[in-house]
Amino acid sequence: MYFFVDEAQEPVQIIFHKSWNGLPDQTVYTNNIFYALGSEHRFDLGESTKNTFFANTFFGSILNTPQDVKKNTHNPLFINDASSKNNWKSYLRFSLQKESPDINNGIYVKGQPKKDILGHPIKNNPDRGAFEMF
């Protein structure tokens, strides 16, 4: 999964846990790319408990990044990080370049899908983000 914040956006809460008749408990974030241009974007886990972040990439200006023993802070090298409001397939810009350090840098999660959102097979050591390089 990708969490992308454009530099033109005001500071946003990238992750915000709040109570909907109970607080989140034991939420797990794995193999994600959190990419924030601009400044003062942040995580707000509120009073949620037992959150786990493992094998995620945090790139850009992000406050309150959670602990992650396999955290990366490098540029994931998207094909194109420019915003596009005119092209409905603009999500493809978040595909990784072949030089990306996030390729084969995720972790296997029991029960993970066998294919990415485009139908590409996910290998044993998946890529971080929503698209698997093939």
C-alpha atoms as a PDB file:
ATOM      1  CA  MET A   1       0.000   0.000   0.000  1.00  0.00           C
ATOM      2  CA  TYR A   2       1.088   3.571  -0.607  1.00  0.00           C
ATOM      3  CA  PHE A   3       0.345   6.594   1.539  1.00  0.00           C
ATOM      4  CA  PHE A   4       1.258   9.614  -0.598  1.00  0.00           C
ATOM      5  CA  VAL A   5       1.081  13.280   0.426  1.00  0.00           C
ATOM      6  CA  ASP A   6       1.806  15.904  -2.215  1.00  0.00           C
ATOM      7  CA  GLU A   7       3.928  18.931  -1.299  1.00  0.00           C
ATOM      8  CA  ALA A   8       1.027  21.255  -2.165  1.00  0.00           C
ATOM      9  CA  GLN A   9      -1.126  19.754   0.583  1.00  0.00           C
ATOM     10  CA  GLU A  10      -1.430  21.299   4.014  1.00  0.00           C
ATOM     11  CA  PRO A  11       0.037  19.184   6.826  1.00  0.00           C
ATOM     12  CA  VAL A  12      -2.032  16.008   7.113  1.00  0.00           C
ATOM     13  CA  GLN A  13      -2.338  13.101   9.486  1.00  0.00           C
ATOM     14  CA  ILE A  14      -1.016  10.209   7.412  1.00  0.00           C
ATOM     15  CA  ILE A  15      -2.421   7.682   9.867  1.00  0.00           C
ATOM     16  CA  PHE A  16      -5.067   8.759  12.363  1.00  0.00           C
ATOM     17  CA  HIS A  17      -6.503   6.299  14.865  1.00  0.00           C
ATOM     18  CA  LYS A  18      -9.658   7.435  16.587  1.00  0.00           C
ATOM     19  CA  SER A  19     -12.442   5.805  18.522  1.00  0.00           C
ATOM     20  CA  TRP A  20     -15.427   4.477  16.632  1.00  0.00           C
ATOM     21  CA  ASN A  21     -17.140   2.920  19.633  1.00  0.00           C
ATOM     22  CA  GLY A  22     -13.766   1.555  20.728  1.00  0.00           C
ATOM     23  CA  LEU A  23     -10.124   2.249  20.032  1.00  0.00           C
ATOM     24  CA  PRO A  24      -8.089   0.287  17.473  1.00  0.00           C
ATOM     25  CA  ASP A  25      -6.128  -2.562  19.051  1.00  0.00           C
ATOM     26  CA  GLN A  26      -3.367  -4.679  17.511  1.00  0.00           C
ATOM     27  CA  THR A  27      -3.297  -2.917  14.130  1.00  0.00           C
ATOM     28  CA  VAL A  28      -0.440  -4.159  11.934  1.00  0.00           C
ATOM     29  CA  TYR A  29       1.180  -2.164   9.113  1.00  0.00           C
ATOM     30  CA  THR A  30       3.533  -4.187   6.911  1.00  0.00           C
ATOM     31  CA  ASN A  31       5.266  -3.588   3.545  1.00  0.00           C
ATOM     32  CA  ASN A  32       3.873  -0.063   3.089  1.00  0.00           C
ATOM     33  CA  ILE A  33       5.450   3.045   1.632  1.00  0.00           C
ATOM     34  CA  PHE A  34       4.652   6.297   3.449  1.00  0.00           C
ATOM     35  CA  TYR A  35       5.798   9.135   1.160  1.00  0.00           C
ATOM     36  CA  ALA A  36       5.316  12.738   2.223  1.00  0.00           C
ATOM     37  CA  LEU A  37       6.475  15.819   0.354  1.00  0.00           C
ATOM     38  CA  GLY A  38       6.177  19.200   2.025  1.00  0.00           C
ATOM     39  CA  SER A  39       6.408  19.475   5.797  1.00  0.00           C
ATOM     40  CA  GLU A  40       4.824  18.618   9.110  1.00  0.00           C
ATOM     41  CA  HIS A  41       2.821  15.580   7.989  1.00  0.00           C
ATOM     42  CA  ARG A  42       2.381  13.195  10.888  1.00  0.00           C
ATOM     43  CA  PHE A  43       1.192   9.968  12.405  1.00  0.00           C
ATOM     44  CA  ASP A  44      -1.449  10.181  15.133  1.00  0.00           C
ATOM     45  CA  LEU A  45      -2.097   6.800  16.691  1.00  0.00           C
ATOM     46  CA  GLY A  46      -4.093   8.412  19.485  1.00  0.00           C
ATOM     47  CA  GLU A  47      -4.860   6.049  22.332  1.00  0.00           C
ATOM     48  CA  SER A  48      -4.854   2.924  20.175  1.00  0.00           C
ATOM     49  CA  THR A  49      -2.822   0.053  21.589  1.00  0.00           C
ATOM     50  CA  LYS A  50      -0.441  -2.669  20.449  1.00  0.00           C
ATOM     51  CA  ASN A  51       0.176  -1.200  16.985  1.00  0.00           C
ATOM     52  CA  THR A  52       2.911  -2.918  15.007  1.00  0.00           C
ATOM     53  CA  PHE A  53       4.882  -1.462  12.104  1.00  0.00           C
ATOM     54  CA  PHE A  54       7.234  -3.862  10.341  1.00  0.00           C
ATOM     55  CA  ALA A  55       9.147  -3.525   7.056  1.00  0.00           C
ATOM     56  CA  ASN A  56       7.750  -0.127   6.009  1.00  0.00           C
ATOM     57  CA  THR A  57       9.372   2.775   4.187  1.00  0.00           C
ATOM     58  CA  PHE A  58       8.985   6.308   5.570  1.00  0.00           C
ATOM     59  CA  PHE A  59      10.229   8.934   3.101  1.00  0.00           C
ATOM     60  CA  GLY A  60      10.042  12.712   3.366  1.00  0.00           C
ATOM     61  CA  SER A  61       8.996  15.030   6.133  1.00  0.00           C
ATOM     62  CA  ILE A  62       7.007  12.865   8.544  1.00  0.00           C
ATOM     63  CA  LEU A  63       6.650  13.631  12.241  1.00  0.00           C
ATOM     64  CA  ASN A  64       6.094  10.971  14.903  1.00  0.00           C
ATOM     65  CA  THR A  65       7.124   8.038  12.730  1.00  0.00           C
ATOM     66  CA  PRO A  66       6.488   4.846  14.651  1.00  0.00           C
ATOM     67  CA  GLN A  67       9.138   2.325  15.610  1.00  0.00           C
ATOM     68  CA  ASP A  68       9.762  -0.257  12.929  1.00  0.00           C
ATOM     69  CA  VAL A  69      12.703  -2.652  13.261  1.00  0.00           C
ATOM     70  CA  LYS A  70      12.933  -2.960   9.452  1.00  0.00           C
ATOM     71  CA  LYS A  71      12.225   0.747   8.801  1.00  0.00           C
ATOM     72  CA  ASN A  72      13.692   2.354   5.693  1.00  0.00           C
ATOM     73  CA  THR A  73      13.851   6.091   5.124  1.00  0.00           C
ATOM     74  CA  HIS A  74      15.286   6.084   1.602  1.00  0.00           C
ATOM     75  CA  ASN A  75      13.570   7.337  -1.536  1.00  0.00           C
ATOM     76  CA  PRO A  76      11.512   4.406  -2.888  1.00  0.00           C
ATOM     77  CA  LEU A  77      12.110   5.640  -6.475  1.00  0.00           C
ATOM     78  CA  PHE A  78       8.604   5.733  -7.913  1.00  0.00           C
ATOM     79  CA  ILE A  79       8.275   5.844 -11.689  1.00  0.00           C
ATOM     80  CA  ASN A  80       6.865   9.366 -11.239  1.00  0.00           C
ATOM     81  CA  ASP A  81       5.811  11.110  -8.042  1.00  0.00           C
ATOM     82  CA  ALA A  82       4.141  14.039  -9.827  1.00  0.00           C
ATOM     83  CA  SER A  83       0.458  14.503  -9.114  1.00  0.00           C
ATOM     84  CA  SER A  84      -2.032  13.850 -11.897  1.00  0.00           C
ATOM     85  CA  LYS A  85      -5.681  14.827 -11.644  1.00  0.00           C
ATOM     86  CA  ASN A  86      -6.531  14.201 -15.296  1.00  0.00           C
ATOM     87  CA  ASN A  87      -5.526  10.585 -15.724  1.00  0.00           C
ATOM     88  CA  TRP A  88      -7.574   7.912 -13.946  1.00  0.00           C
ATOM     89  CA  LYS A  89      -4.613   5.535 -14.217  1.00  0.00           C
ATOM     90  CA  SER A  90      -2.305   7.964 -12.435  1.00  0.00           C
ATOM     91  CA  TYR A  91      -1.867   5.396  -9.649  1.00  0.00           C
ATOM     92  CA  LEU A  92       0.576   3.605 -11.969  1.00  0.00           C
ATOM     93  CA  ARG A  93       3.074   6.387 -11.255  1.00  0.00           C
ATOM     94  CA  PHE A  94       3.651   4.641  -7.913  1.00  0.00           C
ATOM     95  CA  SER A  95       5.199   1.627  -9.627  1.00  0.00           C
ATOM     96  CA  LEU A  96       8.798   1.194  -8.538  1.00  0.00           C
ATOM     97  CA  GLN A  97      11.771   1.812 -10.798  1.00  0.00           C
ATOM     98  CA  LYS A  98      13.972  -1.257 -11.285  1.00  0.00           C
ATOM     99  CA  GLU A  99      16.666   0.414  -9.117  1.00  0.00           C
ATOM    100  CA  SER A 100      14.287   0.869  -6.168  1.00  0.00           C
ATOM    101  CA  PRO A 101      15.602  -0.324  -2.806  1.00  0.00           C
ATOM    102  CA  ASP A 102      12.036  -1.445  -1.961  1.00  0.00           C
ATOM    103  CA  ILE A 103      12.058  -4.268  -4.515  1.00  0.00           C
ATOM    104  CA  ASN A 104      12.197  -7.643  -2.724  1.00  0.00           C
ATOM    105  CA  ASN A 105      12.628  -5.732   0.538  1.00  0.00           C
ATOM    106  CA  GLY A 106       9.261  -6.520   2.119  1.00  0.00           C
ATOM    107  CA  ILE A 107       8.476  -9.502   4.299  1.00  0.00           C
ATOM    108  CA  TYR A 108       6.244 -12.484   3.720  1.00  0.00           C
ATOM    109  CA  VAL A 109       2.972 -12.198   5.638  1.00  0.00           C
ATOM    110  CA  LYS A 110       1.012 -15.380   6.228  1.00  0.00           C
ATOM    111  CA  GLY A 111      -2.194 -15.209   4.227  1.00  0.00           C
ATOM    112  CA  GLN A 112      -0.967 -12.408   1.944  1.00  0.00           C
ATOM    113  CA  PRO A 113      -2.548 -12.205  -1.511  1.00  0.00           C
ATOM    114  CA  LYS A 114      -0.937 -14.263  -4.246  1.00  0.00           C
ATOM    115  CA  LYS A 115      -1.148 -11.331  -6.707  1.00  0.00           C
ATOM    116  CA  ASP A 116      -0.808  -7.542  -6.537  1.00  0.00           C
ATOM    117  CA  ILE A 117      -3.625  -5.179  -7.573  1.00  0.00           C
ATOM    118  CA  LEU A 118      -2.581  -5.483 -11.241  1.00  0.00           C
ATOM    119  CA  GLY A 119      -2.544  -9.284 -11.173  1.00  0.00           C
ATOM    120  CA  HIS A 120       1.242  -9.740 -11.001  1.00  0.00           C
ATOM    121  CA  PRO A 121       2.304 -12.700  -8.860  1.00  0.00           C
ATOM    122  CA  ILE A 122       3.764 -11.870  -5.442  1.00  0.00           C
ATOM    123  CA  LYS A 123       6.962 -13.753  -4.731  1.00  0.00           C
ATOM    124  CA  ASN A 124       8.199 -15.051  -1.364  1.00  0.00           C
ATOM    125  CA  ASN A 125      10.003 -11.804  -0.504  1.00  0.00           C
ATOM    126  CA  PRO A 126       7.514  -9.191  -1.774  1.00  0.00           C
ATOM    127  CA  ASP A 127       8.188  -5.628  -2.812  1.00  0.00           C
ATOM    128  CA  ARG A 128       7.056  -2.863  -0.488  1.00  0.00           C
ATOM    129  CA  GLY A 129       4.017  -0.975  -1.757  1.00  0.00           C
ATOM    130  CA  ALA A 130       1.053  -2.032  -3.867  1.00  0.00           C
ATOM    131  CA  PHE A 131       2.840  -3.172  -7.029  1.00  0.00           C
ATOM    132  CA  GLU A 132       5.102  -6.193  -7.460  1.00  0.00           C
ATOM    133  CA  MET A 133       7.905  -5.824 -10.017  1.00  0.00           C
ATOM    134  CA  PHE A 134       7.956  -8.687 -12.480  1.00  0.00           C
END
